[in-house]
């Protein structure tokens, strides 16, 4: 029986391509079924990076946020239908909401509800390194961004939360998958 888990994508462009590549590798290497959930901004960024066809090849189940509880993700997480949730890439906005307990989007609500039943949450916040960070745009051009202190503080708040595992890179989820495989 395949390992079923949820993968949520927010509107961060940084590490979007790498995150999709990790999903491809997981499907190829492990007996797993990834259920993909896109925030409203996640849809825009996936299209901007021209990665929708890649997602279609990875999973037959791709759901787009309508509101904080539609499509219904929290219930299947709480019931154990999905063994855990991965959020990568995660925007500073999503991280800030999680750090302060705000659950007003599909992804932040799913995390809040998953935490109530000890469902593991793996998250890759794109804004977790101090100083300048270089990101690659869909055109291939590079852009330098400065991580704000408030974003770094919010990531540290996530690290301190029970049930949330902050990933240093999207590929780190592959090491954690081994905990769930027979």
N, C-alpha and C. Protein backbone atom coordinates (compact mmCIF):
# COMPACT_ATOMS: atom_id res chain seq x y z
N UNK A 1 0.85 -1.19 0.00
CA UNK A 1 0.00 0.00 0.00
C UNK A 1 0.89 1.24 0.00
N UNK A 2 0.61 2.18 -0.88
CA UNK A 2 1.48 3.36 -0.95
C UNK A 2 1.34 4.26 0.28
N UNK A 3 2.41 4.95 0.58
CA UNK A 3 2.42 5.96 1.63
C UNK A 3 1.73 7.19 1.06
N UNK A 4 0.65 7.63 1.72
CA UNK A 4 -0.09 8.81 1.26
C UNK A 4 0.24 9.98 2.16
N UNK A 5 0.62 11.09 1.53
CA UNK A 5 0.85 12.30 2.30
C UNK A 5 0.49 13.52 1.47
N UNK A 6 0.29 14.63 2.16
CA UNK A 6 -0.10 15.87 1.50
C UNK A 6 1.12 16.75 1.30
N UNK A 7 1.14 17.45 0.18
CA UNK A 7 2.21 18.41 -0.12
C UNK A 7 1.53 19.72 -0.48
N UNK A 8 1.78 20.75 0.30
CA UNK A 8 1.18 22.06 0.06
C UNK A 8 2.22 23.00 -0.52
N UNK A 9 1.78 23.76 -1.50
CA UNK A 9 2.65 24.72 -2.19
C UNK A 9 2.06 26.11 -2.03
N UNK A 10 2.87 27.03 -1.51
CA UNK A 10 2.43 28.42 -1.36
C UNK A 10 2.97 29.24 -2.54
N UNK A 11 2.85 30.55 -2.45
CA UNK A 11 3.23 31.42 -3.55
C UNK A 11 4.69 31.84 -3.59
N UNK A 12 5.57 31.10 -2.97
CA UNK A 12 6.99 31.42 -3.02
C UNK A 12 7.60 30.90 -4.32
N UNK A 13 8.34 31.73 -5.00
CA UNK A 13 9.02 31.29 -6.22
C UNK A 13 10.36 30.65 -5.91
N UNK A 14 11.00 31.14 -4.85
CA UNK A 14 12.30 30.61 -4.46
C UNK A 14 12.15 29.14 -4.08
N UNK A 15 12.95 28.29 -4.67
CA UNK A 15 12.95 26.84 -4.44
C UNK A 15 11.69 26.15 -4.94
N UNK A 16 10.92 26.80 -5.80
CA UNK A 16 9.74 26.16 -6.39
C UNK A 16 10.16 25.02 -7.31
N UNK A 17 11.10 25.30 -8.20
CA UNK A 17 11.56 24.27 -9.13
C UNK A 17 12.17 23.09 -8.38
N UNK A 18 12.98 23.39 -7.36
CA UNK A 18 13.61 22.33 -6.57
C UNK A 18 12.56 21.50 -5.82
N UNK A 19 11.52 22.15 -5.32
CA UNK A 19 10.46 21.44 -4.61
C UNK A 19 9.74 20.47 -5.53
N UNK A 20 9.43 20.92 -6.73
CA UNK A 20 8.76 20.05 -7.70
C UNK A 20 9.68 18.90 -8.09
N UNK A 21 10.96 19.17 -8.25
CA UNK A 21 11.92 18.11 -8.57
C UNK A 21 11.98 17.06 -7.46
N UNK A 22 11.94 17.48 -6.22
CA UNK A 22 11.94 16.54 -5.09
C UNK A 22 10.69 15.67 -5.14
N UNK A 23 9.55 16.26 -5.45
CA UNK A 23 8.32 15.47 -5.57
C UNK A 23 8.48 14.40 -6.64
N UNK A 24 9.05 14.77 -7.79
CA UNK A 24 9.28 13.80 -8.88
C UNK A 24 10.15 12.65 -8.38
N UNK A 25 11.22 12.98 -7.69
CA UNK A 25 12.14 11.96 -7.19
C UNK A 25 11.45 11.03 -6.19
N UNK A 26 10.62 11.58 -5.33
CA UNK A 26 9.92 10.76 -4.34
C UNK A 26 9.00 9.76 -5.03
N UNK A 27 8.25 10.23 -6.03
CA UNK A 27 7.34 9.35 -6.75
C UNK A 27 8.12 8.24 -7.46
N UNK A 28 9.29 8.57 -8.00
CA UNK A 28 10.10 7.57 -8.70
C UNK A 28 10.78 6.60 -7.75
N UNK A 29 11.20 7.06 -6.58
CA UNK A 29 12.03 6.25 -5.68
C UNK A 29 11.25 5.51 -4.59
N UNK A 30 10.08 5.99 -4.23
CA UNK A 30 9.35 5.43 -3.10
C UNK A 30 7.94 5.04 -3.52
N UNK A 31 7.38 4.07 -2.82
CA UNK A 31 5.99 3.69 -3.03
C UNK A 31 5.13 4.72 -2.29
N UNK A 32 4.82 5.81 -2.97
CA UNK A 32 4.12 6.90 -2.32
C UNK A 32 3.09 7.53 -3.24
N UNK A 33 2.12 8.16 -2.62
CA UNK A 33 1.08 8.89 -3.33
C UNK A 33 1.01 10.28 -2.72
N UNK A 34 1.37 11.29 -3.52
CA UNK A 34 1.38 12.66 -3.04
C UNK A 34 0.09 13.35 -3.46
N UNK A 35 -0.59 13.91 -2.49
CA UNK A 35 -1.79 14.70 -2.76
C UNK A 35 -1.37 16.16 -2.67
N UNK A 36 -1.46 16.87 -3.77
CA UNK A 36 -0.93 18.23 -3.86
C UNK A 36 -2.05 19.25 -3.62
N UNK A 37 -1.73 20.21 -2.75
CA UNK A 37 -2.66 21.29 -2.44
C UNK A 37 -1.95 22.61 -2.74
N UNK A 38 -2.60 23.45 -3.53
CA UNK A 38 -2.02 24.73 -3.93
C UNK A 38 -2.79 25.88 -3.29
N UNK A 39 -2.04 26.81 -2.68
CA UNK A 39 -2.68 28.04 -2.24
C UNK A 39 -3.06 28.84 -3.48
N UNK A 40 -3.86 29.86 -3.29
CA UNK A 40 -4.24 30.70 -4.44
C UNK A 40 -3.00 31.29 -5.10
N UNK A 41 -2.08 31.79 -4.31
CA UNK A 41 -0.84 32.34 -4.86
C UNK A 41 0.06 31.24 -5.41
N UNK A 42 -0.02 30.06 -4.82
CA UNK A 42 0.76 28.93 -5.31
C UNK A 42 0.41 28.59 -6.75
N UNK A 43 -0.86 28.67 -7.09
CA UNK A 43 -1.30 28.41 -8.47
C UNK A 43 -0.63 29.41 -9.41
N UNK A 44 -0.64 30.68 -9.03
CA UNK A 44 -0.05 31.72 -9.88
C UNK A 44 1.43 31.46 -10.12
N UNK A 45 2.14 31.12 -9.05
CA UNK A 45 3.59 30.94 -9.18
C UNK A 45 3.92 29.66 -9.94
N UNK A 46 3.17 28.59 -9.72
CA UNK A 46 3.37 27.34 -10.47
C UNK A 46 3.20 27.63 -11.97
N UNK A 47 2.19 28.39 -12.31
CA UNK A 47 1.96 28.74 -13.73
C UNK A 47 3.07 29.64 -14.25
N UNK A 48 3.52 30.58 -13.45
CA UNK A 48 4.59 31.50 -13.85
C UNK A 48 5.87 30.71 -14.15
N UNK A 49 6.15 29.70 -13.34
CA UNK A 49 7.33 28.86 -13.55
C UNK A 49 7.09 27.73 -14.55
N UNK A 50 5.86 27.67 -15.10
CA UNK A 50 5.48 26.66 -16.10
C UNK A 50 5.70 25.24 -15.58
N UNK A 51 5.19 24.98 -14.37
CA UNK A 51 5.37 23.69 -13.72
C UNK A 51 4.08 22.89 -13.54
N UNK A 52 2.97 23.38 -14.06
CA UNK A 52 1.69 22.68 -13.87
C UNK A 52 1.71 21.28 -14.50
N UNK A 53 2.29 21.15 -15.67
CA UNK A 53 2.36 19.83 -16.32
C UNK A 53 3.20 18.86 -15.47
N UNK A 54 4.23 19.39 -14.85
CA UNK A 54 5.05 18.55 -13.97
C UNK A 54 4.22 18.04 -12.80
N UNK A 55 3.42 18.92 -12.21
CA UNK A 55 2.57 18.50 -11.10
C UNK A 55 1.55 17.46 -11.55
N UNK A 56 0.98 17.66 -12.74
CA UNK A 56 0.02 16.69 -13.28
C UNK A 56 0.66 15.31 -13.44
N UNK A 57 1.94 15.27 -13.78
CA UNK A 57 2.64 13.99 -13.94
C UNK A 57 2.97 13.35 -12.59
N UNK A 58 3.08 14.16 -11.56
CA UNK A 58 3.43 13.67 -10.22
C UNK A 58 2.22 13.09 -9.50
N UNK A 59 1.07 13.76 -9.63
CA UNK A 59 -0.10 13.37 -8.85
C UNK A 59 -1.38 13.53 -9.66
N UNK A 60 -2.28 12.59 -9.45
CA UNK A 60 -3.60 12.72 -10.07
C UNK A 60 -4.54 13.52 -9.17
N UNK A 61 -4.06 13.87 -7.98
CA UNK A 61 -4.87 14.64 -7.04
C UNK A 61 -4.19 15.97 -6.76
N UNK A 62 -4.67 17.01 -7.44
CA UNK A 62 -4.18 18.37 -7.23
C UNK A 62 -5.40 19.23 -6.91
N UNK A 63 -5.36 19.84 -5.75
CA UNK A 63 -6.49 20.66 -5.30
C UNK A 63 -6.02 22.10 -5.10
N UNK A 64 -6.89 23.03 -5.47
CA UNK A 64 -6.59 24.45 -5.35
C UNK A 64 -7.47 25.08 -4.27
N UNK A 65 -6.84 25.92 -3.47
CA UNK A 65 -7.54 26.60 -2.38
C UNK A 65 -8.71 27.42 -2.90
N UNK A 66 -9.84 27.22 -2.26
CA UNK A 66 -11.01 28.07 -2.49
C UNK A 66 -11.19 28.97 -1.27
N UNK A 67 -11.12 28.35 -0.09
CA UNK A 67 -11.15 29.10 1.16
C UNK A 67 -10.39 28.30 2.21
N UNK A 68 -10.46 28.72 3.46
CA UNK A 68 -9.64 28.11 4.52
C UNK A 68 -9.98 26.64 4.79
N UNK A 69 -11.11 26.18 4.33
CA UNK A 69 -11.49 24.79 4.58
C UNK A 69 -11.94 24.06 3.32
N UNK A 70 -11.70 24.67 2.16
CA UNK A 70 -12.10 24.05 0.90
C UNK A 70 -10.96 24.17 -0.11
N UNK A 71 -10.51 23.05 -0.64
CA UNK A 71 -10.95 21.68 -0.42
C UNK A 71 -10.61 21.22 0.99
N UNK A 72 -11.31 20.18 1.44
CA UNK A 72 -11.18 19.73 2.82
C UNK A 72 -9.88 18.96 3.00
N UNK A 73 -8.91 19.58 3.63
CA UNK A 73 -7.61 18.97 3.89
C UNK A 73 -7.44 18.63 5.37
N UNK A 74 -7.97 19.46 6.25
CA UNK A 74 -7.76 19.28 7.69
C UNK A 74 -8.29 17.93 8.17
N UNK A 75 -9.48 17.55 7.76
CA UNK A 75 -10.09 16.29 8.21
C UNK A 75 -9.28 15.07 7.83
N UNK A 76 -8.92 14.91 6.54
CA UNK A 76 -8.11 13.76 6.18
C UNK A 76 -6.75 13.70 6.89
N UNK A 77 -6.18 14.87 7.21
CA UNK A 77 -4.95 14.88 7.98
C UNK A 77 -5.22 14.37 9.39
N UNK A 78 -6.26 14.88 10.02
CA UNK A 78 -6.56 14.49 11.39
C UNK A 78 -6.94 13.00 11.49
N UNK A 79 -7.60 12.48 10.48
CA UNK A 79 -8.02 11.07 10.50
C UNK A 79 -6.88 10.12 10.12
N UNK A 80 -5.76 10.65 9.64
CA UNK A 80 -4.64 9.79 9.28
C UNK A 80 -4.64 9.31 7.85
N UNK A 81 -5.56 9.81 7.03
CA UNK A 81 -5.57 9.45 5.61
C UNK A 81 -4.26 9.86 4.96
N UNK A 82 -3.77 11.03 5.34
CA UNK A 82 -2.45 11.51 4.92
C UNK A 82 -1.57 11.43 6.17
N UNK A 83 -0.45 10.76 6.08
CA UNK A 83 0.39 10.50 7.26
C UNK A 83 1.06 11.75 7.79
N UNK A 84 1.30 12.72 6.91
CA UNK A 84 1.95 13.96 7.30
C UNK A 84 1.71 14.98 6.21
N UNK A 85 2.11 16.21 6.46
CA UNK A 85 2.01 17.26 5.44
C UNK A 85 3.38 17.92 5.27
N UNK A 86 3.69 18.19 4.01
CA UNK A 86 4.91 18.91 3.64
C UNK A 86 4.46 20.25 3.08
N UNK A 87 5.12 21.32 3.48
CA UNK A 87 4.84 22.63 2.90
C UNK A 87 6.16 23.16 2.36
N UNK A 88 6.28 23.14 1.07
CA UNK A 88 7.48 23.69 0.43
C UNK A 88 7.17 24.03 -1.02
N UNK A 89 7.58 25.21 -1.42
CA UNK A 89 8.18 26.26 -0.62
C UNK A 89 7.11 27.01 0.18
N UNK A 90 7.51 27.54 1.32
CA UNK A 90 6.60 28.30 2.17
C UNK A 90 7.00 29.77 2.18
N UNK A 91 6.05 30.63 1.91
CA UNK A 91 6.29 32.07 1.91
C UNK A 91 6.48 32.60 3.33
N UNK A 92 7.05 33.78 3.42
CA UNK A 92 7.18 34.46 4.71
C UNK A 92 5.79 34.74 5.29
N UNK A 93 4.82 34.99 4.45
CA UNK A 93 3.45 35.24 4.91
C UNK A 93 2.87 34.00 5.60
N UNK A 94 3.02 32.84 4.96
CA UNK A 94 2.53 31.59 5.55
C UNK A 94 3.25 31.30 6.87
N UNK A 95 4.56 31.47 6.87
CA UNK A 95 5.35 31.23 8.08
C UNK A 95 4.90 32.16 9.22
N UNK A 96 4.68 33.44 8.91
CA UNK A 96 4.25 34.40 9.92
C UNK A 96 2.89 34.00 10.50
N UNK A 97 1.97 33.61 9.64
CA UNK A 97 0.64 33.19 10.12
C UNK A 97 0.77 31.96 11.02
N UNK A 98 1.57 31.00 10.62
CA UNK A 98 1.75 29.81 11.45
C UNK A 98 2.40 30.15 12.78
N UNK A 99 3.39 31.03 12.75
CA UNK A 99 4.10 31.41 13.97
C UNK A 99 3.18 32.08 14.98
N UNK A 100 2.15 32.76 14.49
CA UNK A 100 1.23 33.48 15.38
C UNK A 100 -0.14 32.83 15.49
N UNK A 101 -0.28 31.60 14.99
CA UNK A 101 -1.52 30.86 15.16
C UNK A 101 -2.67 31.32 14.30
N UNK A 102 -2.40 32.01 13.22
CA UNK A 102 -3.46 32.47 12.32
C UNK A 102 -3.75 31.36 11.32
N UNK A 103 -5.01 30.96 11.25
CA UNK A 103 -5.40 29.82 10.41
C UNK A 103 -6.50 30.23 9.44
N UNK A 104 -6.20 31.20 8.59
CA UNK A 104 -7.23 31.74 7.70
C UNK A 104 -7.04 31.39 6.23
N UNK A 105 -6.15 30.46 5.93
CA UNK A 105 -5.97 29.97 4.56
C UNK A 105 -6.05 28.45 4.59
N UNK A 106 -6.17 27.84 3.45
CA UNK A 106 -6.22 26.37 3.39
C UNK A 106 -5.02 25.75 4.09
N UNK A 107 -3.84 26.26 3.80
CA UNK A 107 -2.62 25.66 4.33
C UNK A 107 -2.45 25.96 5.81
N UNK A 108 -2.65 27.20 6.23
CA UNK A 108 -2.48 27.51 7.65
C UNK A 108 -3.55 26.83 8.51
N UNK A 109 -4.76 26.70 8.00
CA UNK A 109 -5.81 26.00 8.72
C UNK A 109 -5.48 24.50 8.82
N UNK A 110 -5.00 23.92 7.74
CA UNK A 110 -4.64 22.50 7.76
C UNK A 110 -3.53 22.23 8.78
N UNK A 111 -2.56 23.12 8.84
CA UNK A 111 -1.47 22.95 9.81
C UNK A 111 -2.02 23.09 11.23
N UNK A 112 -2.84 24.07 11.48
CA UNK A 112 -3.40 24.26 12.82
C UNK A 112 -4.19 23.02 13.26
N UNK A 113 -4.98 22.48 12.35
CA UNK A 113 -5.78 21.30 12.69
C UNK A 113 -4.91 20.05 12.81
N UNK A 114 -3.89 19.93 11.97
CA UNK A 114 -2.98 18.78 12.05
C UNK A 114 -2.24 18.77 13.39
N UNK A 115 -1.86 19.95 13.86
CA UNK A 115 -1.15 20.04 15.14
C UNK A 115 -2.01 19.54 16.30
N UNK A 116 -3.32 19.67 16.19
CA UNK A 116 -4.23 19.23 17.26
C UNK A 116 -4.26 17.71 17.42
N UNK A 117 -3.86 17.00 16.38
CA UNK A 117 -3.87 15.53 16.43
C UNK A 117 -2.47 14.95 16.22
N UNK A 118 -1.46 15.77 16.43
CA UNK A 118 -0.05 15.34 16.36
C UNK A 118 0.35 14.77 15.00
N UNK A 119 -0.23 15.31 13.94
CA UNK A 119 0.20 14.93 12.59
C UNK A 119 1.48 15.70 12.29
N UNK A 120 2.55 15.01 11.88
CA UNK A 120 3.81 15.70 11.60
C UNK A 120 3.69 16.72 10.46
N UNK A 121 4.35 17.84 10.64
CA UNK A 121 4.34 18.93 9.66
C UNK A 121 5.79 19.23 9.31
N UNK A 122 6.11 19.12 8.03
CA UNK A 122 7.45 19.42 7.53
C UNK A 122 7.34 20.66 6.66
N UNK A 123 8.16 21.66 6.94
CA UNK A 123 8.03 22.93 6.22
C UNK A 123 9.40 23.46 5.81
N UNK A 124 9.46 23.95 4.58
CA UNK A 124 10.67 24.63 4.10
C UNK A 124 10.34 26.11 3.88
N UNK A 125 10.67 26.96 4.86
CA UNK A 125 10.48 28.40 4.68
C UNK A 125 11.61 28.96 3.79
N UNK A 126 11.25 29.68 2.78
CA UNK A 126 12.29 30.20 1.87
C UNK A 126 13.12 31.30 2.53
N UNK A 127 12.56 31.99 3.50
CA UNK A 127 13.27 33.10 4.16
C UNK A 127 13.80 32.66 5.51
N UNK A 128 14.83 31.80 5.52
CA UNK A 128 15.36 31.31 6.79
C UNK A 128 16.86 31.52 6.96
N UNK A 129 17.49 32.14 5.98
CA UNK A 129 18.93 32.42 6.08
C UNK A 129 19.15 33.92 6.13
N UNK A 130 19.97 34.39 7.08
CA UNK A 130 20.22 35.83 7.16
C UNK A 130 21.05 36.34 5.98
N UNK A 131 20.86 37.62 5.69
CA UNK A 131 21.66 38.24 4.64
C UNK A 131 21.05 38.09 3.27
N UNK A 132 21.85 38.38 2.26
CA UNK A 132 21.34 38.30 0.88
C UNK A 132 21.18 36.85 0.42
N UNK A 133 20.12 36.61 -0.33
CA UNK A 133 19.82 35.30 -0.90
C UNK A 133 19.58 35.50 -2.39
N UNK A 134 20.14 34.64 -3.21
CA UNK A 134 19.94 34.73 -4.65
C UNK A 134 18.90 33.72 -5.07
N UNK A 135 17.88 34.19 -5.78
CA UNK A 135 16.83 33.31 -6.29
C UNK A 135 16.86 33.34 -7.81
N UNK A 136 16.34 32.30 -8.41
CA UNK A 136 16.30 32.20 -9.88
C UNK A 136 14.87 32.40 -10.34
N UNK A 137 14.68 33.35 -11.22
CA UNK A 137 13.36 33.67 -11.76
C UNK A 137 13.00 32.68 -12.87
N UNK A 138 11.73 32.62 -13.27
CA UNK A 138 11.35 31.70 -14.35
C UNK A 138 12.13 31.92 -15.65
N UNK A 139 12.58 33.14 -15.88
CA UNK A 139 13.35 33.46 -17.08
C UNK A 139 14.78 32.91 -17.01
N UNK A 140 15.19 32.48 -15.82
CA UNK A 140 16.57 32.05 -15.61
C UNK A 140 17.44 33.15 -15.02
N UNK A 141 16.93 34.39 -15.03
CA UNK A 141 17.66 35.50 -14.43
C UNK A 141 17.73 35.30 -12.92
N UNK A 142 18.77 35.87 -12.33
CA UNK A 142 18.94 35.78 -10.89
C UNK A 142 18.58 37.11 -10.25
N UNK A 143 18.03 37.03 -9.04
CA UNK A 143 17.66 38.22 -8.30
C UNK A 143 18.11 38.04 -6.86
N UNK A 144 18.70 39.09 -6.32
CA UNK A 144 19.16 39.03 -4.93
C UNK A 144 18.11 39.66 -4.02
N UNK A 145 17.79 38.93 -2.95
CA UNK A 145 16.82 39.38 -1.96
C UNK A 145 17.48 39.43 -0.59
N UNK A 146 16.99 40.30 0.26
CA UNK A 146 17.47 40.37 1.64
C UNK A 146 16.39 39.79 2.55
N UNK A 147 16.78 38.85 3.39
CA UNK A 147 15.84 38.28 4.34
C UNK A 147 15.64 39.26 5.50
N UNK A 148 14.40 39.50 5.83
CA UNK A 148 14.09 40.43 6.92
C UNK A 148 14.28 39.75 8.27
N UNK A 149 14.64 40.53 9.26
CA UNK A 149 14.81 39.99 10.62
C UNK A 149 13.53 39.36 11.13
N UNK A 150 12.39 39.97 10.85
CA UNK A 150 11.11 39.44 11.32
C UNK A 150 10.85 38.05 10.74
N UNK A 151 11.27 37.82 9.50
CA UNK A 151 11.09 36.51 8.88
C UNK A 151 11.95 35.45 9.57
N UNK A 152 13.18 35.83 9.91
CA UNK A 152 14.07 34.92 10.62
C UNK A 152 13.49 34.58 12.00
N UNK A 153 12.94 35.58 12.68
CA UNK A 153 12.33 35.36 13.99
C UNK A 153 11.14 34.41 13.90
N UNK A 154 10.35 34.56 12.85
CA UNK A 154 9.18 33.69 12.68
C UNK A 154 9.59 32.24 12.41
N UNK A 155 10.66 32.05 11.66
CA UNK A 155 11.15 30.69 11.41
C UNK A 155 11.60 30.07 12.73
N UNK A 156 12.25 30.86 13.57
CA UNK A 156 12.68 30.33 14.87
C UNK A 156 11.48 29.96 15.74
N UNK A 157 10.41 30.72 15.63
CA UNK A 157 9.18 30.37 16.37
C UNK A 157 8.63 29.03 15.88
N UNK A 158 8.69 28.81 14.57
CA UNK A 158 8.24 27.51 14.04
C UNK A 158 9.11 26.38 14.58
N UNK A 159 10.42 26.59 14.59
CA UNK A 159 11.34 25.55 15.08
C UNK A 159 10.99 25.14 16.52
N UNK A 160 10.48 26.07 17.30
CA UNK A 160 10.17 25.81 18.70
C UNK A 160 8.80 25.15 18.89
N UNK A 161 8.00 25.07 17.83
CA UNK A 161 6.65 24.52 17.95
C UNK A 161 6.68 23.00 17.88
N UNK A 162 5.95 22.38 18.79
CA UNK A 162 5.84 20.93 18.81
C UNK A 162 5.12 20.44 17.56
N UNK A 163 5.72 19.46 16.88
CA UNK A 163 5.09 18.86 15.71
C UNK A 163 5.51 19.46 14.38
N UNK A 164 6.25 20.57 14.42
CA UNK A 164 6.71 21.20 13.18
C UNK A 164 8.20 20.95 13.03
N UNK A 165 8.57 20.41 11.88
CA UNK A 165 9.98 20.18 11.55
C UNK A 165 10.34 21.13 10.43
N UNK A 166 11.28 22.02 10.69
CA UNK A 166 11.72 22.99 9.68
C UNK A 166 12.84 22.35 8.87
N UNK A 167 12.64 22.27 7.58
CA UNK A 167 13.64 21.70 6.67
C UNK A 167 14.62 22.77 6.23
N UNK A 168 15.89 22.39 6.07
CA UNK A 168 16.91 23.31 5.58
C UNK A 168 16.95 23.38 4.07
N UNK A 169 16.32 22.41 3.42
CA UNK A 169 16.23 22.33 1.95
C UNK A 169 15.07 21.39 1.63
N UNK A 170 14.35 21.62 0.53
CA UNK A 170 13.23 20.73 0.21
C UNK A 170 13.62 19.25 0.14
N UNK A 171 14.82 18.95 -0.29
CA UNK A 171 15.23 17.54 -0.44
C UNK A 171 15.34 16.81 0.89
N UNK A 172 15.43 17.52 2.00
CA UNK A 172 15.54 16.88 3.31
C UNK A 172 14.32 16.03 3.65
N UNK A 173 13.20 16.27 2.99
CA UNK A 173 12.01 15.47 3.27
C UNK A 173 12.26 14.01 2.94
N UNK A 174 13.13 13.74 1.99
CA UNK A 174 13.40 12.35 1.60
C UNK A 174 13.96 11.54 2.77
N UNK A 175 14.76 12.14 3.60
CA UNK A 175 15.29 11.44 4.78
C UNK A 175 14.17 11.12 5.77
N UNK A 176 13.24 12.03 5.92
CA UNK A 176 12.14 11.82 6.85
C UNK A 176 11.14 10.77 6.35
N UNK A 177 11.04 10.61 5.03
CA UNK A 177 10.13 9.62 4.46
C UNK A 177 10.44 8.22 4.97
N UNK A 178 11.71 7.94 5.20
CA UNK A 178 12.13 6.60 5.61
C UNK A 178 11.47 6.18 6.92
N UNK A 179 11.08 7.15 7.74
CA UNK A 179 10.40 6.84 9.01
C UNK A 179 9.03 6.21 8.79
N UNK A 180 8.43 6.44 7.63
CA UNK A 180 7.06 6.01 7.38
C UNK A 180 6.97 4.78 6.47
N UNK A 181 8.09 4.38 5.92
CA UNK A 181 8.09 3.23 5.00
C UNK A 181 8.31 1.94 5.76
N UNK A 182 7.67 0.89 5.31
CA UNK A 182 7.81 -0.42 5.98
C UNK A 182 9.19 -0.98 5.84
